[in-house]
């Protein structure tokens, strides 16, 4: 879904914390991956993110709230 819809420099907001998430972020050329709901990447995924220069952010907030905050910050809503 992300690979088909994400545009370059989008934020990838997700609860999926694995190495495949990093691969998708690279292929979709997103600006960052934001993990929601207090979920954390494992060390292997963080290492891969660093190697691929993928910005990884984490939040305790739900995905909807993160998307709303981004939309407001960017003046989209």
N, C-alpha and C. Protein backbone atom coordinates (compact mmCIF):
# COMPACT_ATOMS: atom_id res chain seq x y z
N UNK A 1 0.82 -1.18 0.00
CA UNK A 1 0.00 0.00 0.00
C UNK A 1 0.87 1.25 0.00
N UNK A 2 1.87 1.31 0.86
CA UNK A 2 2.72 2.49 0.95
C UNK A 2 3.50 2.69 -0.34
N UNK A 3 4.07 1.62 -0.86
CA UNK A 3 4.87 1.75 -2.08
C UNK A 3 4.05 2.26 -3.24
N UNK A 4 2.78 1.91 -3.30
CA UNK A 4 1.94 2.34 -4.40
C UNK A 4 1.39 3.75 -4.25
N UNK A 5 1.33 4.26 -3.03
CA UNK A 5 0.70 5.55 -2.78
C UNK A 5 1.62 6.63 -2.25
N UNK A 6 2.69 6.25 -1.59
CA UNK A 6 3.59 7.25 -1.00
C UNK A 6 4.32 8.01 -2.09
N UNK A 7 4.48 9.30 -1.84
CA UNK A 7 5.25 10.14 -2.75
C UNK A 7 6.59 10.45 -2.10
N UNK A 8 7.54 10.82 -2.93
CA UNK A 8 8.85 11.21 -2.43
C UNK A 8 8.70 12.29 -1.35
N UNK A 9 9.42 12.11 -0.27
CA UNK A 9 9.45 13.03 0.87
C UNK A 9 8.20 13.00 1.76
N UNK A 10 7.29 12.06 1.54
CA UNK A 10 6.16 11.88 2.47
C UNK A 10 6.67 11.32 3.79
N UNK A 11 5.86 11.43 4.83
CA UNK A 11 6.13 10.76 6.10
C UNK A 11 5.38 9.43 6.08
N UNK A 12 6.03 8.37 6.49
CA UNK A 12 5.45 7.03 6.54
C UNK A 12 5.07 6.78 8.00
N UNK A 13 3.78 6.88 8.31
CA UNK A 13 3.28 6.70 9.67
C UNK A 13 2.78 5.26 9.79
N UNK A 14 3.31 4.50 10.74
CA UNK A 14 3.01 3.07 10.80
C UNK A 14 3.15 2.50 12.21
N UNK A 15 2.63 1.31 12.39
CA UNK A 15 2.85 0.54 13.61
C UNK A 15 3.68 -0.72 13.31
N UNK A 16 4.12 -0.85 12.07
CA UNK A 16 4.92 -2.00 11.64
C UNK A 16 6.40 -1.70 11.87
N UNK A 17 7.00 -2.40 12.80
CA UNK A 17 8.39 -2.12 13.17
C UNK A 17 9.29 -3.30 12.82
N UNK A 18 9.64 -3.40 11.55
CA UNK A 18 10.55 -4.46 11.15
C UNK A 18 11.42 -3.98 10.00
N UNK A 19 12.37 -4.81 9.61
CA UNK A 19 13.31 -4.43 8.56
C UNK A 19 12.61 -4.19 7.23
N UNK A 20 11.47 -4.84 7.00
CA UNK A 20 10.72 -4.62 5.76
C UNK A 20 10.18 -3.20 5.68
N UNK A 21 9.84 -2.61 6.82
CA UNK A 21 9.38 -1.23 6.86
C UNK A 21 10.48 -0.31 6.34
N UNK A 22 11.71 -0.58 6.73
CA UNK A 22 12.84 0.22 6.26
C UNK A 22 13.01 0.05 4.76
N UNK A 23 12.89 -1.17 4.27
CA UNK A 23 13.02 -1.43 2.83
C UNK A 23 11.96 -0.67 2.05
N UNK A 24 10.73 -0.68 2.53
CA UNK A 24 9.65 0.05 1.86
C UNK A 24 9.94 1.55 1.88
N UNK A 25 10.43 2.06 3.00
CA UNK A 25 10.76 3.48 3.11
C UNK A 25 11.81 3.88 2.07
N UNK A 26 12.79 3.02 1.88
CA UNK A 26 13.84 3.29 0.89
C UNK A 26 13.26 3.26 -0.52
N UNK A 27 12.49 2.24 -0.83
CA UNK A 27 11.91 2.12 -2.17
C UNK A 27 10.95 3.25 -2.49
N UNK A 28 10.18 3.69 -1.49
CA UNK A 28 9.21 4.77 -1.70
C UNK A 28 9.86 6.15 -1.58
N UNK A 29 11.11 6.20 -1.10
CA UNK A 29 11.86 7.44 -0.94
C UNK A 29 11.13 8.45 -0.05
N UNK A 30 10.59 7.95 1.07
CA UNK A 30 9.89 8.83 2.01
C UNK A 30 10.91 9.61 2.84
N UNK A 31 10.45 10.71 3.43
CA UNK A 31 11.33 11.55 4.24
C UNK A 31 11.67 10.91 5.57
N UNK A 32 10.70 10.18 6.13
CA UNK A 32 10.92 9.56 7.44
C UNK A 32 9.89 8.48 7.69
N UNK A 33 10.19 7.65 8.67
CA UNK A 33 9.25 6.65 9.18
C UNK A 33 8.91 7.06 10.60
N UNK A 34 7.62 7.16 10.89
CA UNK A 34 7.17 7.50 12.24
C UNK A 34 6.44 6.29 12.82
N UNK A 35 7.03 5.67 13.83
CA UNK A 35 6.38 4.56 14.53
C UNK A 35 5.44 5.12 15.58
N UNK A 36 4.24 4.59 15.64
CA UNK A 36 3.21 5.09 16.55
C UNK A 36 2.94 4.10 17.68
N UNK A 37 2.13 4.55 18.61
CA UNK A 37 1.61 3.71 19.69
C UNK A 37 2.70 3.10 20.58
N UNK A 38 3.83 3.80 20.70
CA UNK A 38 4.89 3.34 21.59
C UNK A 38 5.68 2.15 21.09
N UNK A 39 5.55 1.85 19.81
CA UNK A 39 6.26 0.71 19.23
C UNK A 39 7.69 1.14 18.88
N UNK A 40 8.64 0.21 19.02
CA UNK A 40 10.05 0.51 18.77
C UNK A 40 10.64 -0.48 17.76
N UNK A 41 11.58 0.00 16.96
CA UNK A 41 12.33 -0.88 16.07
C UNK A 41 13.32 -1.71 16.88
N UNK A 42 13.62 -2.92 16.38
CA UNK A 42 14.68 -3.72 16.98
C UNK A 42 16.03 -3.20 16.45
N UNK A 43 17.11 -3.69 17.03
CA UNK A 43 18.45 -3.21 16.67
C UNK A 43 18.78 -3.46 15.20
N UNK A 44 18.38 -4.62 14.67
CA UNK A 44 18.66 -4.91 13.27
C UNK A 44 18.00 -3.89 12.35
N UNK A 45 16.76 -3.55 12.64
CA UNK A 45 16.04 -2.58 11.82
C UNK A 45 16.66 -1.19 11.94
N UNK A 46 17.06 -0.81 13.15
CA UNK A 46 17.70 0.49 13.35
C UNK A 46 19.04 0.56 12.62
N UNK A 47 19.78 -0.54 12.63
CA UNK A 47 21.05 -0.60 11.91
C UNK A 47 20.81 -0.42 10.42
N UNK A 48 19.81 -1.12 9.89
CA UNK A 48 19.48 -1.00 8.47
C UNK A 48 19.03 0.42 8.13
N UNK A 49 18.23 1.03 9.00
CA UNK A 49 17.78 2.41 8.78
C UNK A 49 18.98 3.35 8.70
N UNK A 50 19.93 3.16 9.59
CA UNK A 50 21.12 4.00 9.60
C UNK A 50 21.93 3.79 8.32
N UNK A 51 22.09 2.55 7.90
CA UNK A 51 22.83 2.24 6.67
C UNK A 51 22.18 2.87 5.45
N UNK A 52 20.85 2.86 5.44
CA UNK A 52 20.09 3.37 4.30
C UNK A 52 19.74 4.86 4.44
N UNK A 53 20.19 5.47 5.53
CA UNK A 53 19.93 6.89 5.81
C UNK A 53 18.43 7.19 5.87
N UNK A 54 17.70 6.33 6.56
CA UNK A 54 16.27 6.52 6.77
C UNK A 54 16.06 7.14 8.14
N UNK A 55 15.40 8.28 8.17
CA UNK A 55 15.09 8.95 9.44
C UNK A 55 13.96 8.19 10.12
N UNK A 56 14.19 7.77 11.36
CA UNK A 56 13.20 7.02 12.13
C UNK A 56 12.80 7.83 13.36
N UNK A 57 11.50 8.03 13.53
CA UNK A 57 10.95 8.74 14.68
C UNK A 57 9.97 7.83 15.39
N UNK A 58 9.78 8.04 16.68
CA UNK A 58 8.84 7.22 17.45
C UNK A 58 7.95 8.11 18.29
N UNK A 59 6.71 7.64 18.50
CA UNK A 59 5.75 8.39 19.32
C UNK A 59 4.84 7.41 20.05
N UNK A 60 4.33 7.84 21.19
CA UNK A 60 3.34 7.05 21.92
C UNK A 60 1.93 7.30 21.38
N UNK A 61 1.78 8.30 20.54
CA UNK A 61 0.45 8.68 20.04
C UNK A 61 -0.04 7.71 18.96
N UNK A 62 -1.36 7.61 18.78
CA UNK A 62 -1.91 6.78 17.71
C UNK A 62 -1.61 7.38 16.32
N UNK A 63 -1.65 6.56 15.30
CA UNK A 63 -1.34 6.99 13.93
C UNK A 63 -2.22 8.15 13.49
N UNK A 64 -3.52 8.09 13.79
CA UNK A 64 -4.42 9.16 13.38
C UNK A 64 -3.98 10.49 13.97
N UNK A 65 -3.63 10.49 15.24
CA UNK A 65 -3.22 11.73 15.89
C UNK A 65 -1.92 12.27 15.28
N UNK A 66 -0.99 11.39 14.97
CA UNK A 66 0.25 11.81 14.32
C UNK A 66 -0.05 12.43 12.96
N UNK A 67 -0.91 11.78 12.18
CA UNK A 67 -1.26 12.30 10.86
C UNK A 67 -1.94 13.67 10.98
N UNK A 68 -2.81 13.82 11.95
CA UNK A 68 -3.48 15.11 12.17
C UNK A 68 -2.47 16.19 12.55
N UNK A 69 -1.55 15.86 13.44
CA UNK A 69 -0.52 16.82 13.85
C UNK A 69 0.34 17.24 12.66
N UNK A 70 0.73 16.29 11.82
CA UNK A 70 1.52 16.61 10.63
C UNK A 70 0.72 17.50 9.67
N UNK A 71 -0.54 17.15 9.48
CA UNK A 71 -1.40 17.94 8.60
C UNK A 71 -1.52 19.38 9.06
N UNK A 72 -1.70 19.57 10.35
CA UNK A 72 -1.81 20.93 10.91
C UNK A 72 -0.49 21.67 10.75
N UNK A 73 0.61 21.01 11.06
CA UNK A 73 1.93 21.64 10.97
C UNK A 73 2.25 22.07 9.53
N UNK A 74 1.80 21.27 8.57
CA UNK A 74 2.06 21.57 7.16
C UNK A 74 0.99 22.45 6.53
N UNK A 75 -0.02 22.84 7.32
CA UNK A 75 -1.08 23.70 6.82
C UNK A 75 -2.05 22.99 5.89
N UNK A 76 -2.18 21.69 6.05
CA UNK A 76 -3.07 20.91 5.18
C UNK A 76 -4.46 20.74 5.77
N UNK A 77 -4.61 21.03 7.07
CA UNK A 77 -5.93 20.92 7.70
C UNK A 77 -6.05 21.92 8.83
